[in-house]
């Protein structure tokens, strides 16, 4: 089936998607991606590859049923607020599991587009043969995987599917990206460029960072010390975090070897804080969403102490559900892993105070 024919089918299938979701542009917050994320033209806009759709192995093209199921998967992703990288992962998974067909059976009790098993708690067989339900269950499981947006497509799919053949999803990534291009109309312009980046290199756009691009890196004052009586675990945590200065930010990185040059071992904001306190023998949750409930609240922001966790909305959160965290050092300073393209660094508290959403004290 040609791109033109697929586009004609997809246009009708996605009319409701565009009306309900307010267009794909609503998913993006704007801003200029790093030039390292792809080539740019003379006007500074990202250059897009030519949209093509690769047929599955064996030479058969995607038919109307398959494209219709793909449109449902993308639609559910849009409606659930899942970033475009998630659509690609979901399509690649369904391509492998069912070749985008809503199968009535499979291995053991597997059914549907994603070959989910009722016996494994995915839902009833009838529910799992509803493409909307099946896609929703897949996205719900995917978005619970820590750092899923930074994982390779096959690794993210495997984290959900737990297949006996974990590498099989990789071969479908290009097909899934191509099909998303068709389903979203291939609209030219900045939104299309952002979509391309978000599908193929999510770290260019989806970094969950501080939302403060270009913030200065502040040196520690000469003779910097923590106040007398600072609890030893706080001293250890702050010392560990400061030792990671200069290491690159990587969204989804676990911060277990920040200076190793391995992105998966580098830090994002919450893993920096988690690993700093782990070095002090204190266990914190992995994500900012959960860390905001750790320890006890500090309601008077004039009573900050070294070691307090400071939360701001960041690029993807809100005041009620902050998306970025830093570690207070005292002296009006904090250490943080800011955003993609930056490094672990010391920043001024004054830049955070207008947006400070919560403070938590882990060590009394």
Protein backbone atom coordinates (compact mmCIF):
# COMPACT_ATOMS: atom_id res chain seq x y z
CA UNK A 1 0.00 0.00 0.00
CA UNK A 2 1.38 3.41 -0.94
CA UNK A 3 1.93 6.35 1.38
CA UNK A 4 -0.81 8.23 -0.50
CA UNK A 5 -3.33 5.46 0.07
CA UNK A 6 -2.37 5.08 3.73
CA UNK A 7 -2.68 8.79 4.25
CA UNK A 8 -6.17 8.80 2.79
CA UNK A 9 -7.26 6.03 5.14
CA UNK A 10 -5.58 7.60 8.13
CA UNK A 11 -7.04 11.06 7.51
CA UNK A 12 -10.56 9.82 8.10
CA UNK A 13 -9.60 7.64 11.03
CA UNK A 14 -7.81 10.49 12.81
CA UNK A 15 -10.44 13.20 12.34
CA UNK A 16 -11.83 12.53 15.80
CA UNK A 17 -8.32 12.44 17.24
CA UNK A 18 -7.53 15.92 15.98
CA UNK A 19 -10.83 17.33 17.22
CA UNK A 20 -10.58 15.76 20.67
CA UNK A 21 -6.90 16.45 21.20
CA UNK A 22 -6.92 19.96 19.79
CA UNK A 23 -4.23 18.99 17.28
CA UNK A 24 -0.79 17.63 17.83
CA UNK A 25 0.59 21.10 18.43
CA UNK A 26 -1.01 21.08 21.87
CA UNK A 27 1.37 18.33 22.92
CA UNK A 28 4.43 20.49 22.50
CA UNK A 29 5.54 23.41 24.61
CA UNK A 30 7.69 25.12 21.99
CA UNK A 31 11.29 26.18 22.34
CA UNK A 32 14.29 25.39 20.21
CA UNK A 33 15.86 21.96 20.39
CA UNK A 34 19.59 21.53 20.55
CA UNK A 35 21.30 21.57 17.19
CA UNK A 36 22.85 18.25 18.20
CA UNK A 37 19.42 16.64 17.95
CA UNK A 38 19.42 16.86 14.14
CA UNK A 39 20.31 18.91 11.11
CA UNK A 40 18.75 22.33 10.68
CA UNK A 41 18.12 24.37 7.56
CA UNK A 42 19.09 27.98 6.79
CA UNK A 43 15.96 29.19 8.58
CA UNK A 44 16.96 27.35 11.78
CA UNK A 45 14.15 24.82 11.45
CA UNK A 46 14.76 21.10 11.79
CA UNK A 47 15.17 19.28 8.49
CA UNK A 48 12.75 16.36 8.23
CA UNK A 49 13.42 13.06 6.48
CA UNK A 50 11.11 12.12 3.63
CA UNK A 51 8.03 10.28 4.97
CA UNK A 52 7.96 6.67 3.82
CA UNK A 53 6.26 3.54 5.11
CA UNK A 54 8.19 0.30 5.08
CA UNK A 55 6.16 -2.89 4.59
CA UNK A 56 6.49 -5.68 7.13
CA UNK A 57 8.71 -8.66 6.35
CA UNK A 58 7.33 -10.77 3.53
CA UNK A 59 6.44 -7.84 1.31
CA UNK A 60 2.84 -7.36 2.39
CA UNK A 61 1.79 -3.74 2.92
CA UNK A 62 -0.34 -2.40 5.76
CA UNK A 63 -4.01 -2.82 4.89
CA UNK A 64 -6.99 -0.81 6.05
CA UNK A 65 -7.56 -2.96 9.13
CA UNK A 66 -3.95 -2.59 10.24
CA UNK A 67 -3.84 1.16 9.67
CA UNK A 68 -7.16 1.49 11.50
CA UNK A 69 -5.75 -0.33 14.51
CA UNK A 70 -2.62 1.82 14.39
CA UNK A 71 -4.79 4.94 14.36
CA UNK A 72 -6.61 3.73 17.47
CA UNK A 73 -3.29 3.13 19.25
CA UNK A 74 -2.03 6.63 18.43
CA UNK A 75 -5.39 8.20 19.30
CA UNK A 76 -5.39 6.59 22.75
CA UNK A 77 -1.82 7.80 23.28
CA UNK A 78 -2.79 11.37 22.41
CA UNK A 79 -5.86 11.31 24.62
CA UNK A 80 -3.85 9.94 27.55
CA UNK A 81 -1.18 12.62 27.14
CA UNK A 82 1.52 10.10 26.26
CA UNK A 83 4.43 11.74 24.36
CA UNK A 84 5.05 10.69 20.72
CA UNK A 85 7.88 8.37 21.69
CA UNK A 86 5.24 6.29 23.46
CA UNK A 87 3.17 6.00 20.28
CA UNK A 88 6.21 4.62 18.47
CA UNK A 89 6.87 2.09 21.23
CA UNK A 90 3.24 1.01 21.25
CA UNK A 91 3.07 0.62 17.47
CA UNK A 92 6.36 -1.28 17.33
CA UNK A 93 5.07 -3.61 20.05
CA UNK A 94 1.77 -4.26 18.27
CA UNK A 95 3.60 -4.77 14.95
CA UNK A 96 5.69 -7.50 16.56
CA UNK A 97 2.96 -9.11 18.64
CA UNK A 98 0.10 -9.15 16.11
CA UNK A 99 1.21 -7.35 12.92
CA UNK A 100 -1.40 -4.75 13.93
CA UNK A 101 -4.23 -7.31 13.76
CA UNK A 102 -6.75 -7.77 16.55
CA UNK A 103 -6.11 -11.48 16.98
CA UNK A 104 -8.66 -13.67 18.80
CA UNK A 105 -5.91 -15.89 20.22
CA UNK A 106 -2.19 -16.58 20.37
CA UNK A 107 0.37 -18.18 22.64
CA UNK A 108 -1.44 -19.70 25.61
CA UNK A 109 -4.22 -17.24 26.50
CA UNK A 110 -2.80 -14.18 24.69
CA UNK A 111 -5.26 -12.10 22.67
CA UNK A 112 -5.56 -8.83 20.81
CA UNK A 113 -3.19 -6.29 19.33
CA UNK A 114 -0.60 -6.57 22.08
CA UNK A 115 -1.15 -10.28 22.81
CA UNK A 116 -1.91 -9.48 26.43
CA UNK A 117 -2.88 -12.35 28.70
CA UNK A 118 -5.99 -12.34 30.92
CA UNK A 119 -4.20 -14.73 33.28
CA UNK A 120 -1.53 -12.08 33.85
CA UNK A 121 -4.01 -9.46 35.00
CA UNK A 122 -4.30 -7.39 31.81
CA UNK A 123 -8.08 -7.72 31.69
CA UNK A 124 -10.66 -10.13 30.38
CA UNK A 125 -10.33 -11.66 26.94
CA UNK A 126 -13.27 -9.56 25.75
CA UNK A 127 -11.71 -6.36 27.09
CA UNK A 128 -8.36 -7.11 25.50
CA UNK A 129 -9.97 -7.53 22.09
CA UNK A 130 -11.17 -3.93 22.32
CA UNK A 131 -8.25 -2.05 20.70
CA UNK A 132 -8.88 1.07 22.76
CA UNK A 133 -8.82 -0.86 26.02
CA UNK A 134 -5.75 -2.87 25.00
CA UNK A 135 -3.85 0.27 23.98
CA UNK A 136 -4.82 2.01 27.20
CA UNK A 137 -3.54 -0.89 29.28
CA UNK A 138 -0.28 -0.91 27.33
CA UNK A 139 0.27 2.83 27.86
CA UNK A 140 -0.60 2.56 31.55
CA UNK A 141 2.10 -0.09 32.00
CA UNK A 142 4.62 1.76 29.83
CA UNK A 143 4.35 5.03 31.72
CA UNK A 144 5.00 3.22 34.99
CA UNK A 145 8.45 2.17 33.75
CA UNK A 146 11.06 4.49 35.27
CA UNK A 147 12.82 6.47 32.57
CA UNK A 148 10.92 4.78 29.73
CA UNK A 149 11.29 7.81 27.46
CA UNK A 150 15.07 7.44 27.52
CA UNK A 151 15.05 3.71 26.76
CA UNK A 152 15.57 2.14 23.36
CA UNK A 153 12.27 1.15 21.78
CA UNK A 154 12.93 -2.55 22.23
CA UNK A 155 13.94 -2.11 25.88
CA UNK A 156 10.85 -0.05 26.68
CA UNK A 157 8.59 -2.56 24.92
CA UNK A 158 10.27 -5.46 26.71
CA UNK A 159 9.81 -3.76 30.09
CA UNK A 160 6.06 -3.95 29.46
CA UNK A 161 5.70 -7.20 27.53
CA UNK A 162 8.38 -9.31 29.28
CA UNK A 163 8.81 -11.36 26.12
CA UNK A 164 10.95 -14.49 25.95
CA UNK A 165 12.64 -12.74 23.00
CA UNK A 166 13.50 -9.27 24.32
CA UNK A 167 15.24 -7.90 21.22
CA UNK A 168 12.49 -8.55 18.70
CA UNK A 169 10.86 -5.11 18.90
CA UNK A 170 13.89 -3.18 17.60
CA UNK A 171 13.31 -4.13 13.96
CA UNK A 172 9.93 -2.35 13.96
CA UNK A 173 11.10 1.08 15.12
CA UNK A 174 11.52 2.57 11.63
CA UNK A 175 8.17 1.16 10.50
CA UNK A 176 6.45 2.56 13.58
CA UNK A 177 7.95 6.03 13.08
CA UNK A 178 6.99 5.98 9.41
CA UNK A 179 3.42 5.01 10.23
CA UNK A 180 3.12 7.74 12.87
CA UNK A 181 4.24 10.23 10.21
CA UNK A 182 1.42 9.06 7.94
CA UNK A 183 -1.17 9.02 10.70
CA UNK A 184 -0.30 12.57 11.76
CA UNK A 185 -0.45 13.89 8.23
CA UNK A 186 3.20 14.81 7.78
CA UNK A 187 2.35 18.46 8.46
CA UNK A 188 5.37 20.65 7.68
CA UNK A 189 6.67 23.25 10.09
CA UNK A 190 7.96 23.48 13.67
CA UNK A 191 5.41 21.07 15.13
CA UNK A 192 6.39 18.39 12.62
CA UNK A 193 10.04 18.98 13.45
CA UNK A 194 9.32 18.58 17.14
CA UNK A 195 7.37 15.42 16.40
CA UNK A 196 10.30 13.96 14.48
CA UNK A 197 12.69 14.72 17.34
CA UNK A 198 10.34 13.39 19.99
CA UNK A 199 9.84 10.14 18.09
CA UNK A 200 13.44 9.40 17.19
CA UNK A 201 15.39 11.14 19.97
CA UNK A 202 13.13 11.84 22.93
CA UNK A 203 15.89 13.39 25.00
CA UNK A 204 15.90 16.41 22.67
CA UNK A 205 12.47 17.47 23.86
CA UNK A 206 11.22 15.34 26.69
CA UNK A 207 13.71 15.93 29.44
CA UNK A 208 11.51 16.57 32.46
CA UNK A 209 14.03 19.27 33.42
CA UNK A 210 13.97 22.50 35.37
CA UNK A 211 12.50 24.59 32.57
CA UNK A 212 15.22 27.21 33.11
CA UNK A 213 17.42 26.89 30.05
CA UNK A 214 20.70 28.75 30.26
CA UNK A 215 20.88 29.06 34.04
CA UNK A 216 24.36 29.93 35.25
CA UNK A 217 26.66 27.48 36.98
CA UNK A 218 27.57 29.00 40.35
CA UNK A 219 30.91 28.22 42.03
CA UNK A 220 30.86 27.29 45.70
CA UNK A 221 32.08 30.14 47.92
CA UNK A 222 35.67 29.92 49.09
CA UNK A 223 35.85 27.90 52.28
CA UNK A 224 32.29 26.57 51.88
CA UNK A 225 31.28 24.38 54.82
CA UNK A 226 28.04 23.10 56.24
CA UNK A 227 26.80 24.51 59.56
CA UNK A 228 27.96 22.84 62.78
CA UNK A 229 25.52 20.14 63.85
CA UNK A 230 24.48 19.23 60.30
CA UNK A 231 23.45 15.55 60.50
CA UNK A 232 26.09 13.18 59.13
CA UNK A 233 23.73 11.65 56.50
CA UNK A 234 23.12 15.16 55.11
CA UNK A 235 26.85 15.86 55.02
CA UNK A 236 27.40 12.62 53.13
CA UNK A 237 24.53 13.22 50.69
CA UNK A 238 25.61 16.75 49.87
CA UNK A 239 29.23 15.71 49.47
CA UNK A 240 28.24 12.92 47.09
CA UNK A 241 26.01 15.22 45.01
CA UNK A 242 28.71 17.88 44.75
CA UNK A 243 31.18 15.26 43.52
CA UNK A 244 28.95 14.75 40.48
CA UNK A 245 29.27 18.34 39.28
CA UNK A 246 30.09 18.58 35.61
CA UNK A 247 28.56 15.23 34.66
CA UNK A 248 25.95 15.42 31.86
CA UNK A 249 22.22 15.37 32.56
CA UNK A 250 20.39 12.39 31.03
CA UNK A 251 16.66 12.03 31.48
CA UNK A 252 15.97 8.56 32.87
CA UNK A 253 19.60 7.98 33.88
CA UNK A 254 19.98 6.19 37.19
CA UNK A 255 22.99 8.26 38.40
CA UNK A 256 24.96 5.20 39.45
CA UNK A 257 28.09 6.24 37.49
CA UNK A 258 27.61 9.89 36.48
CA UNK A 259 31.14 10.42 35.14
CA UNK A 260 31.29 7.14 33.20
CA UNK A 261 30.17 8.59 29.87
CA UNK A 262 27.34 6.04 29.75
CA UNK A 263 24.03 7.96 29.42
CA UNK A 264 21.99 5.35 31.28
CA UNK A 265 24.30 5.76 34.30
CA UNK A 266 24.18 9.57 34.32
CA UNK A 267 21.82 11.69 36.41
CA UNK A 268 18.48 13.33 36.06
CA UNK A 269 17.15 15.50 38.86
CA UNK A 270 15.49 12.80 40.94
CA UNK A 271 18.14 10.12 40.49
CA UNK A 272 20.81 12.62 41.65
CA UNK A 273 18.90 13.20 44.86
CA UNK A 274 18.10 9.51 45.28
CA UNK A 275 21.69 8.38 44.85
CA UNK A 276 23.04 11.17 47.07
CA UNK A 277 20.94 9.97 49.96
CA UNK A 278 21.58 6.33 49.10
CA UNK A 279 25.28 7.06 49.66
CA UNK A 280 24.23 8.16 53.15
CA UNK A 281 22.27 4.96 53.76
CA UNK A 282 18.84 6.55 53.24
CA UNK A 283 16.39 5.16 50.68
CA UNK A 284 14.33 7.61 48.64
CA UNK A 285 11.82 6.91 45.86
CA UNK A 286 13.12 7.14 42.30
CA UNK A 287 10.84 9.80 40.83
CA UNK A 288 10.10 13.41 41.72
CA UNK A 289 6.42 12.50 41.81
CA UNK A 290 7.09 10.20 44.77
CA UNK A 291 9.96 12.11 46.38
CA UNK A 292 7.62 15.04 47.03
CA UNK A 293 6.02 12.85 49.71
CA UNK A 294 9.31 11.74 51.31
CA UNK A 295 10.27 12.90 54.80
CA UNK A 296 8.21 15.69 56.33
CA UNK A 297 7.05 18.99 54.84
CA UNK A 298 8.75 22.30 55.56
CA UNK A 299 5.98 24.86 55.32
CA UNK A 300 8.04 27.92 56.22
CA UNK A 301 10.43 28.42 53.34
CA UNK A 302 12.49 30.78 55.49
CA UNK A 303 13.47 27.75 57.59
CA UNK A 304 15.43 25.89 54.94
CA UNK A 305 18.27 23.64 56.08
CA UNK A 306 21.05 21.92 54.12
CA UNK A 307 19.81 18.60 52.79
CA UNK A 308 16.22 19.73 52.25
CA UNK A 309 14.63 18.65 48.98
CA UNK A 310 13.39 21.62 46.95
CA UNK A 311 10.66 21.15 44.36
CA UNK A 312 9.59 23.38 41.47
CA UNK A 313 7.17 22.66 38.60
CA UNK A 314 9.96 22.40 36.04
CA UNK A 315 9.26 21.97 32.34
CA UNK A 316 6.52 19.36 32.69
CA UNK A 317 5.03 19.69 36.18
CA UNK A 318 2.73 22.01 38.08
CA UNK A 319 2.76 23.71 41.46
CA UNK A 320 0.53 20.96 42.83
CA UNK A 321 2.52 18.20 41.13
CA UNK A 322 6.10 19.43 40.77
CA UNK A 323 8.35 17.84 38.18
CA UNK A 324 11.83 18.93 39.27
CA UNK A 325 13.88 18.57 42.45
CA UNK A 326 17.16 19.91 43.82
CA UNK A 327 19.17 19.53 47.03
CA UNK A 328 19.60 22.58 49.24
CA UNK A 329 23.16 23.37 50.29
CA UNK A 330 22.65 26.41 52.49
CA UNK A 331 24.00 29.90 51.76
CA UNK A 332 21.25 30.41 49.20
CA UNK A 333 22.58 27.63 46.96
CA UNK A 334 21.38 24.25 45.73
CA UNK A 335 22.81 21.41 43.64
CA UNK A 336 20.75 19.96 40.82
CA UNK A 337 20.75 18.06 37.53
CA UNK A 338 18.99 20.69 35.42
CA UNK A 339 18.00 19.53 31.92
CA UNK A 340 19.16 17.95 28.68
CA UNK A 341 22.28 19.71 27.37
CA UNK A 342 23.40 20.83 30.81
CA UNK A 343 25.41 19.28 33.64
CA UNK A 344 25.03 18.66 37.35
CA UNK A 345 25.77 22.04 38.90
CA UNK A 346 25.24 24.47 41.75
CA UNK A 347 22.49 27.05 41.23
CA UNK A 348 21.17 30.01 43.18
CA UNK A 349 18.09 29.51 45.33
CA UNK A 350 16.86 32.94 44.24
CA UNK A 351 16.16 31.55 40.77
CA UNK A 352 13.85 28.92 42.28
CA UNK A 353 12.06 30.88 45.00
CA UNK A 354 9.32 32.37 42.77
CA UNK A 355 8.33 28.85 41.69
CA UNK A 356 9.09 26.90 44.86
CA UNK A 357 6.24 24.43 45.17
CA UNK A 358 7.31 22.23 48.09
CA UNK A 359 10.14 21.52 50.51
CA UNK A 360 10.70 18.16 52.21
CA UNK A 361 13.10 17.38 55.05
CA UNK A 362 14.44 13.83 54.83
CA UNK A 363 16.69 13.99 57.91
CA UNK A 364 15.44 15.79 61.01
